[in-house]
Amino acid sequence: MSLQFQLIGYPIQHSLSPWIHERFLSKANLQGTYEINEIDPQHSFEEKIMEMKNNKELNGFNVTVPYKQKIIPYLDSLDKNAKTLGAVNTVLNKDGKWIGYNTDSTGYVRALETKYPELTKERKSKHVLILGAGGAARGIYCGLDFAGYVNIDIANRTTEKAWEIAELRSELTNTDILTLKEAENNLLKYDIIIQTTSVGMKPTTENTIIHLNSIKKDVIVSDIVYQPIKTKFLKEAENLGARIHYGHTMLLYQALYAFEIWTGLSVDINNMDEELQQVLEGR
């Protein structure tokens, strides 16, 4: 049997998802395809979705911008993460029923804890700072909360959106909301610092969201930007003795979780993060 997967969104012609999932299929010894299905916002979204619904051979698909919310009315059910986040990036076709998932939040945490496995035993003792309050910050906050991190602060230029994210916390989670300047002045408090905005992405690679003036020596500094792989923010962190975490690994682990949902199988990523880094650096 040949499996059939797709990615919907716009624009997505340069997406790395086919590259990633074709390798997953190969590693799992499965026959299948992963195709781009670019849906121009000028065209009828409903018409395109109905075409997909009529394709009984479609086992599942990924969803990216601008359709992570727009897809929800067409689904039969949502998992806990997708409900909480109000966004779907993975859909499973199970016996003709479409089930929506969000793998971004879990994918990020798995990427971080694969790089630094000791965190799995230290979640409750770690103080985490999230920089930014957009969709990525929301997903990462919920992922950390679900995983059992209980001290997660959020810093943003304006605090209103940060408070909206903090309202999603579970009972045991403590969250303070800071301005970026306040965060910059209190960095010694944190064991993990996560940059979740587009600041520092090509072509404005000389920008950083805050300056890392004083940080713990063994702090983990993570940046979800992966163009460039090593942002100015990460370079500054590394120069100060921090341990760093690259953003492109989140792509792999959120994709791996989607693959597990579709197939029930997991594969060993091995050196795919280095391969993906080479692909990205060649762009």
Foldseek 3Di string as FASTA:
>chain_A
DEAEEEEEEPPPPPPCLQVQVVVVCVQVVHHYGYYYDYDPPVDDPVVVVVVVLPPPRHFKYFYDPPCQQVCVVVAPEEDPLCVLLNGFGIWGQDVSGTYGYFLLQLLVVVQVCVVVVVCLVCQQPFAEEEEDQDSSSLSVLVSSQVSPRAHYEYEYQDQPSVVVSVVSHDPRHDYDYYYLVVCLVPQQRGQEYEYRDCFCAPPNQVGDSHQNPDHDLAHEYEYLHVRPQQGPNNVNCVVSNYHYGTNVSSVNRSSQVSVCVSPVDGGDCVCVVVVVNVVSVVD
